[in-house]
Every structure is written in structure tokens, then in C-alpha cells.
């Protein structure tokens, strides 16, 4: 995953659905329990942050060619 990737949230406890990766914490990529991907969410629910740090296992890259 890299900056600019369009992603969908797959984590059941997170209310955000679509977003774009805006930052990758390179040092955190080596930690399997880290959340190295900062995602800017589109239309975040009221009261939720516009961005969050996420793990790769919670995100699915959307193929823009679909």
C-alpha cells in the first residue's frame, strides 16, 4: 500500500468506509501489530475523526479500473 491508494475499511468496529492513504509510517511497517497507514476518510460519520491510522489487515485497496 502507498500514499494515494483508494481503500475500503474492512474492520467491523470502524464506521468509516472509503478513504485515501495520505501517509505511511515507514518505521511502523516492520511491526506486525502496528497501524502504519494514515487514511483520510470521505464522509466520516458525525463525531468521528476525518482520518485514522490503520493496519493493512483492516484495509482493502480498491481497483480504480473497475
Protein backbone atom coordinates (compact mmCIF):
# COMPACT_ATOMS: atom_id res chain seq x y z
CA UNK A 1 0.00 0.00 0.00
CA UNK A 2 1.15 3.51 -0.71
CA UNK A 3 0.13 7.15 -0.49
CA UNK A 4 -2.72 7.84 -2.89
CA UNK A 5 -4.27 4.36 -2.78
CA UNK A 6 -8.07 4.36 -2.55
CA UNK A 7 -9.07 1.99 0.25
CA UNK A 8 -12.15 0.45 1.79
CA UNK A 9 -12.36 -0.30 5.50
CA UNK A 10 -12.94 -3.96 6.41
CA UNK A 11 -12.77 -3.56 10.20
CA UNK A 12 -16.18 -4.29 11.73
CA UNK A 13 -15.82 -1.82 14.60
CA UNK A 14 -14.85 1.16 12.45
CA UNK A 15 -17.70 3.19 10.95
CA UNK A 16 -15.69 4.70 8.09
CA UNK A 17 -15.89 3.05 4.71
CA UNK A 18 -13.94 4.74 1.90
CA UNK A 19 -10.78 6.77 2.11
CA UNK A 20 -7.37 7.52 0.66
CA UNK A 21 -3.98 6.78 2.18
CA UNK A 22 -2.31 10.11 2.96
CA UNK A 23 0.76 8.96 4.91
CA UNK A 24 2.77 5.80 5.52
CA UNK A 25 4.90 5.48 8.65
CA UNK A 26 7.94 3.62 7.28
CA UNK A 27 9.32 2.65 10.73
CA UNK A 28 5.99 1.00 11.62
CA UNK A 29 5.99 -1.22 8.52
CA UNK A 30 8.31 -3.69 10.28
CA UNK A 31 5.99 -4.06 13.29
CA UNK A 32 3.27 -6.66 12.54
CA UNK A 33 0.97 -5.14 15.19
CA UNK A 34 1.32 -1.53 14.05
CA UNK A 35 -1.04 0.71 12.11
CA UNK A 36 1.31 2.38 9.63
CA UNK A 37 -1.30 3.70 7.19
CA UNK A 38 -2.92 7.09 7.81
CA UNK A 39 -6.21 7.21 5.93
CA UNK A 40 -8.26 10.33 5.19
CA UNK A 41 -11.88 9.20 5.21
CA UNK A 42 -14.51 10.52 2.82
CA UNK A 43 -17.76 11.48 4.56
CA UNK A 44 -16.68 10.41 8.04
CA UNK A 45 -19.72 9.90 10.32
CA UNK A 46 -20.63 12.81 12.61
CA UNK A 47 -18.39 12.77 15.66
CA UNK A 48 -15.71 10.60 14.03
CA UNK A 49 -12.28 11.81 13.01
CA UNK A 50 -11.63 12.63 9.35
CA UNK A 51 -8.54 10.41 9.45
CA UNK A 52 -7.20 7.40 11.35
CA UNK A 53 -4.15 5.14 11.47
CA UNK A 54 -4.90 1.64 10.21
CA UNK A 55 -3.39 -1.79 9.78
CA UNK A 56 -3.08 -3.39 6.36
CA UNK A 57 -5.34 -6.22 7.51
CA UNK A 58 -8.19 -3.72 8.03
CA UNK A 59 -7.93 -2.18 4.57
CA UNK A 60 -8.73 -3.32 1.04
CA UNK A 61 -7.26 -1.47 -1.93
CA UNK A 62 -9.96 -0.60 -4.44
CA UNK A 63 -9.00 -1.15 -8.06
CA UNK A 64 -9.66 2.11 -9.89
CA UNK A 65 -10.07 0.27 -13.20
CA UNK A 66 -13.33 -1.41 -12.09
